[in-house]
Amino acid sequence: MIKTAQEQTGHITKKEKLDKQQLKNMLDARAENTKFGTLPATEKSGSTEMFWLLVDVITVDTPLEFVDNFQLNLLAINLKRFAEAEEQLSQEGLTIDGKKNPLVNVSTQYFANVTRLFKDLGITRNERAKLLLNQIKEQSISDPVGDLIG
């Protein structure tokens, strides 16, 4: 097991130095390969700014891979369209001539898409908790509660 700088005490062996360097190289390579970018559909829908905001905010706490790029683009498009539908609904109202405004259904569908994409990307609170529990079960990270009790 590779110890963090805070955990390391005393002499560092050559093997530990090599392990740390190898891990650093792997993480650097992974970060270099994780370059996100907008798709033409995102740009055409006017969602580019939303996309980069999502990348900045989400990648702070959630490790995303390049394969998530497509879903991030979809999320940006759906969030922008949801916001537009809600803005138009607030101007027109929930009913038009005594009938339900069709934008209510549009807004509901975009909201469902956004919710599903959040879940698929693992960025909801519940999904992050499940990920953390799985990591603890696999012992790839330490169990803070178990450390306190044990």
C-alpha atoms as a PDB file:
ATOM      1  CA  MET A   1       0.000   0.000   0.000  1.00  0.00           C
ATOM      2  CA  ILE A   2       1.306   3.431  -0.919  1.00  0.00           C
ATOM      3  CA  LYS A   3       1.265   5.889   1.952  1.00  0.00           C
ATOM      4  CA  THR A   4       0.513   9.579   1.583  1.00  0.00           C
ATOM      5  CA  ALA A   5       3.125  12.125   2.585  1.00  0.00           C
ATOM      6  CA  GLN A   6       1.280  12.665   5.882  1.00  0.00           C
ATOM      7  CA  GLU A   7       1.312   8.919   6.665  1.00  0.00           C
ATOM      8  CA  GLN A   8       4.942   8.392   5.683  1.00  0.00           C
ATOM      9  CA  THR A   9       7.363   8.309   8.583  1.00  0.00           C
ATOM     10  CA  GLY A  10      11.029   7.462   8.505  1.00  0.00           C
ATOM     11  CA  HIS A  11      13.025   6.157   5.575  1.00  0.00           C
ATOM     12  CA  ILE A  12      11.496   5.651   2.121  1.00  0.00           C
ATOM     13  CA  THR A  13      12.738   2.547   0.348  1.00  0.00           C
ATOM     14  CA  LYS A  14      13.637   2.465  -3.347  1.00  0.00           C
ATOM     15  CA  LYS A  15      10.563   0.329  -4.021  1.00  0.00           C
ATOM     16  CA  GLU A  16       8.296   2.854  -2.297  1.00  0.00           C
ATOM     17  CA  LYS A  17       9.882   5.666  -4.342  1.00  0.00           C
ATOM     18  CA  LEU A  18       9.315   3.685  -7.542  1.00  0.00           C
ATOM     19  CA  ASP A  19       5.710   2.889  -6.548  1.00  0.00           C
ATOM     20  CA  LYS A  20       5.006   6.562  -5.842  1.00  0.00           C
ATOM     21  CA  GLN A  21       6.610   7.656  -9.107  1.00  0.00           C
ATOM     22  CA  GLN A  22       4.668   5.028 -11.054  1.00  0.00           C
ATOM     23  CA  LEU A  23       1.404   6.120  -9.426  1.00  0.00           C
ATOM     24  CA  LYS A  24       2.192   9.779 -10.163  1.00  0.00           C
ATOM     25  CA  ASN A  25       2.932   8.936 -13.807  1.00  0.00           C
ATOM     26  CA  MET A  26      -0.323   6.987 -14.117  1.00  0.00           C
ATOM     27  CA  LEU A  27      -2.372   9.832 -12.597  1.00  0.00           C
ATOM     28  CA  ASP A  28      -0.642  12.412 -14.797  1.00  0.00           C
ATOM     29  CA  ALA A  29      -1.307  10.329 -17.918  1.00  0.00           C
ATOM     30  CA  ARG A  30      -4.930   9.833 -16.908  1.00  0.00           C
ATOM     31  CA  ALA A  31      -5.413  13.565 -16.318  1.00  0.00           C
ATOM     32  CA  GLU A  32      -3.780  14.347 -19.658  1.00  0.00           C
ATOM     33  CA  ASN A  33      -6.173  11.990 -21.469  1.00  0.00           C
ATOM     34  CA  THR A  34      -9.217  13.497 -19.751  1.00  0.00           C
ATOM     35  CA  LYS A  35      -9.762  16.468 -21.984  1.00  0.00           C
ATOM     36  CA  PHE A  36     -13.364  17.532 -22.335  1.00  0.00           C
ATOM     37  CA  GLY A  37     -14.784  19.428 -25.269  1.00  0.00           C
ATOM     38  CA  THR A  38     -18.065  20.578 -26.697  1.00  0.00           C
ATOM     39  CA  LEU A  39     -19.823  18.772 -29.504  1.00  0.00           C
ATOM     40  CA  PRO A  40     -21.262  20.609 -32.534  1.00  0.00           C
ATOM     41  CA  ALA A  41     -24.800  20.003 -31.189  1.00  0.00           C
ATOM     42  CA  THR A  42     -23.855  21.691 -27.921  1.00  0.00           C
ATOM     43  CA  GLU A  43     -22.497  24.697 -29.769  1.00  0.00           C
ATOM     44  CA  LYS A  44     -25.529  24.934 -32.096  1.00  0.00           C
ATOM     45  CA  SER A  45     -27.916  24.825 -29.134  1.00  0.00           C
ATOM     46  CA  GLY A  46     -26.069  27.683 -27.441  1.00  0.00           C
ATOM     47  CA  SER A  47     -25.104  25.477 -24.492  1.00  0.00           C
ATOM     48  CA  THR A  48     -21.312  25.925 -24.675  1.00  0.00           C
ATOM     49  CA  GLU A  49     -21.146  28.182 -21.628  1.00  0.00           C
ATOM     50  CA  MET A  50     -23.318  25.759 -19.636  1.00  0.00           C
ATOM     51  CA  PHE A  51     -21.034  22.862 -20.680  1.00  0.00           C
ATOM     52  CA  TRP A  52     -17.853  24.524 -19.393  1.00  0.00           C
ATOM     53  CA  LEU A  53     -19.580  25.574 -16.190  1.00  0.00           C
ATOM     54  CA  LEU A  54     -20.609  21.942 -15.626  1.00  0.00           C
ATOM     55  CA  VAL A  55     -17.086  20.684 -16.321  1.00  0.00           C
ATOM     56  CA  ASP A  56     -15.615  23.189 -13.861  1.00  0.00           C
ATOM     57  CA  VAL A  57     -18.129  22.445 -11.114  1.00  0.00           C
ATOM     58  CA  ILE A  58     -18.546  18.679 -11.482  1.00  0.00           C
ATOM     59  CA  THR A  59     -14.908  17.693 -11.922  1.00  0.00           C
ATOM     60  CA  VAL A  60     -13.974  19.293  -8.595  1.00  0.00           C
ATOM     61  CA  ASP A  61     -15.591  16.440  -6.606  1.00  0.00           C
ATOM     62  CA  THR A  62     -16.314  13.750  -9.181  1.00  0.00           C
ATOM     63  CA  PRO A  63     -13.654  11.897 -11.139  1.00  0.00           C
ATOM     64  CA  LEU A  64     -14.971  11.855 -14.695  1.00  0.00           C
ATOM     65  CA  GLU A  65     -13.409  10.189 -17.697  1.00  0.00           C
ATOM     66  CA  PHE A  66     -13.323  11.279 -21.328  1.00  0.00           C
ATOM     67  CA  VAL A  67     -16.095   8.755 -22.038  1.00  0.00           C
ATOM     68  CA  ASP A  68     -18.360  11.017 -19.932  1.00  0.00           C
ATOM     69  CA  ASN A  69     -17.859  13.877 -22.404  1.00  0.00           C
ATOM     70  CA  PHE A  70     -20.916  12.962 -24.482  1.00  0.00           C
ATOM     71  CA  GLN A  71     -23.182  12.813 -21.425  1.00  0.00           C
ATOM     72  CA  LEU A  72     -21.793  16.129 -20.169  1.00  0.00           C
ATOM     73  CA  ASN A  73     -22.725  17.663 -23.516  1.00  0.00           C
ATOM     74  CA  LEU A  74     -26.225  16.186 -23.280  1.00  0.00           C
ATOM     75  CA  LEU A  75     -26.548  17.483 -19.732  1.00  0.00           C
ATOM     76  CA  ALA A  76     -25.548  20.999 -20.797  1.00  0.00           C
ATOM     77  CA  ILE A  77     -28.085  20.988 -23.638  1.00  0.00           C
ATOM     78  CA  ASN A  78     -30.897  19.630 -21.456  1.00  0.00           C
ATOM     79  CA  LEU A  79     -30.174  22.046 -18.591  1.00  0.00           C
ATOM     80  CA  LYS A  80     -30.221  25.019 -20.960  1.00  0.00           C
ATOM     81  CA  ARG A  81     -33.463  23.882 -22.582  1.00  0.00           C
ATOM     82  CA  PHE A  82     -35.046  23.209 -19.185  1.00  0.00           C
ATOM     83  CA  ALA A  83     -34.109  26.726 -18.049  1.00  0.00           C
ATOM     84  CA  GLU A  84     -35.523  28.210 -21.255  1.00  0.00           C
ATOM     85  CA  ALA A  85     -38.795  26.270 -20.881  1.00  0.00           C
ATOM     86  CA  GLU A  86     -39.139  27.372 -17.253  1.00  0.00           C
ATOM     87  CA  GLU A  87     -38.460  30.994 -18.155  1.00  0.00           C
ATOM     88  CA  GLN A  88     -41.084  30.906 -20.896  1.00  0.00           C
ATOM     89  CA  LEU A  89     -43.537  29.182 -18.532  1.00  0.00           C
ATOM     90  CA  SER A  90     -43.074  31.921 -15.965  1.00  0.00           C
ATOM     91  CA  GLN A  91     -43.946  34.488 -18.657  1.00  0.00           C
ATOM     92  CA  GLU A  92     -46.901  32.629 -20.202  1.00  0.00           C
ATOM     93  CA  GLY A  93     -48.287  30.900 -17.127  1.00  0.00           C
ATOM     94  CA  LEU A  94     -49.279  27.277 -16.558  1.00  0.00           C
ATOM     95  CA  THR A  95     -52.480  27.634 -18.562  1.00  0.00           C
ATOM     96  CA  ILE A  96     -53.276  29.214 -21.906  1.00  0.00           C
ATOM     97  CA  ASP A  97     -56.945  29.882 -22.673  1.00  0.00           C
ATOM     98  CA  GLY A  98     -57.963  27.594 -19.814  1.00  0.00           C
ATOM     99  CA  LYS A  99     -55.831  24.671 -21.071  1.00  0.00           C
ATOM    100  CA  LYS A 100     -52.573  23.318 -19.732  1.00  0.00           C
ATOM    101  CA  ASN A 101     -49.603  25.050 -21.340  1.00  0.00           C
ATOM    102  CA  PRO A 102     -47.709  22.494 -23.531  1.00  0.00           C
ATOM    103  CA  LEU A 103     -44.467  23.826 -22.079  1.00  0.00           C
ATOM    104  CA  VAL A 104     -45.346  22.105 -18.788  1.00  0.00           C
ATOM    105  CA  ASN A 105     -44.778  18.717 -20.487  1.00  0.00           C
ATOM    106  CA  VAL A 106     -41.632  19.985 -22.230  1.00  0.00           C
ATOM    107  CA  SER A 107     -40.209  21.251 -18.944  1.00  0.00           C
ATOM    108  CA  THR A 108     -41.077  17.980 -17.181  1.00  0.00           C
ATOM    109  CA  GLN A 109     -39.319  15.951 -19.881  1.00  0.00           C
ATOM    110  CA  TYR A 110     -36.141  18.057 -19.762  1.00  0.00           C
ATOM    111  CA  PHE A 111     -36.131  17.832 -15.966  1.00  0.00           C
ATOM    112  CA  ALA A 112     -36.403  14.026 -16.186  1.00  0.00           C
ATOM    113  CA  ASN A 113     -33.511  13.976 -18.690  1.00  0.00           C
ATOM    114  CA  VAL A 114     -31.359  16.134 -16.417  1.00  0.00           C
ATOM    115  CA  THR A 115     -32.125  13.949 -13.396  1.00  0.00           C
ATOM    116  CA  ARG A 116     -31.258  10.775 -15.333  1.00  0.00           C
ATOM    117  CA  LEU A 117     -28.003  12.280 -16.632  1.00  0.00           C
ATOM    118  CA  PHE A 118     -26.999  13.389 -13.122  1.00  0.00           C
ATOM    119  CA  LYS A 119     -27.596   9.835 -11.927  1.00  0.00           C
ATOM    120  CA  ASP A 120     -25.766   8.279 -14.899  1.00  0.00           C
ATOM    121  CA  LEU A 121     -22.746  10.488 -14.297  1.00  0.00           C
ATOM    122  CA  GLY A 122     -22.779   9.600 -10.585  1.00  0.00           C
ATOM    123  CA  ILE A 123     -23.025  13.198  -9.434  1.00  0.00           C
ATOM    124  CA  THR A 124     -26.104  13.004  -7.249  1.00  0.00           C
ATOM    125  CA  ARG A 125     -25.583  12.792  -3.512  1.00  0.00           C
ATOM    126  CA  ASN A 126     -26.971   9.233  -3.408  1.00  0.00           C
ATOM    127  CA  GLU A 127     -24.760   8.046  -6.275  1.00  0.00           C
ATOM    128  CA  ARG A 128     -21.650   9.496  -4.593  1.00  0.00           C
ATOM    129  CA  ALA A 129     -22.637   7.750  -1.331  1.00  0.00           C
ATOM    130  CA  LYS A 130     -23.050   4.423  -3.165  1.00  0.00           C
ATOM    131  CA  LEU A 131     -19.645   4.882  -4.794  1.00  0.00           C
ATOM    132  CA  LEU A 132     -18.058   5.634  -1.433  1.00  0.00           C
ATOM    133  CA  LEU A 133     -19.675   2.560   0.164  1.00  0.00           C
ATOM    134  CA  ASN A 134     -18.489   0.335  -2.688  1.00  0.00           C
ATOM    135  CA  GLN A 135     -14.959   1.680  -2.321  1.00  0.00           C
ATOM    136  CA  ILE A 136     -15.039   0.981   1.413  1.00  0.00           C
ATOM    137  CA  LYS A 137     -16.337  -2.568   0.791  1.00  0.00           C
ATOM    138  CA  GLU A 138     -13.552  -3.167  -1.733  1.00  0.00           C
ATOM    139  CA  GLN A 139     -11.158  -1.600   0.782  1.00  0.00           C
ATOM    140  CA  SER A 140      -9.732   0.695  -1.885  1.00  0.00           C
ATOM    141  CA  ILE A 141     -10.210   3.497   0.667  1.00  0.00           C
ATOM    142  CA  SER A 142     -10.284   3.387   4.440  1.00  0.00           C
ATOM    143  CA  ASP A 143     -13.542   3.373   6.385  1.00  0.00           C
ATOM    144  CA  PRO A 144     -13.509   6.528   8.549  1.00  0.00           C
ATOM    145  CA  VAL A 145     -16.280   5.225  10.828  1.00  0.00           C
ATOM    146  CA  GLY A 146     -14.576   1.849  11.177  1.00  0.00           C
ATOM    147  CA  ASP A 147     -11.313   3.600  12.037  1.00  0.00           C
ATOM    148  CA  LEU A 148     -13.032   5.542  14.809  1.00  0.00           C
ATOM    149  CA  ILE A 149     -14.744   2.468  16.254  1.00  0.00           C
ATOM    150  CA  GLY A 150     -11.955  -0.043  15.727  1.00  0.00           C
END
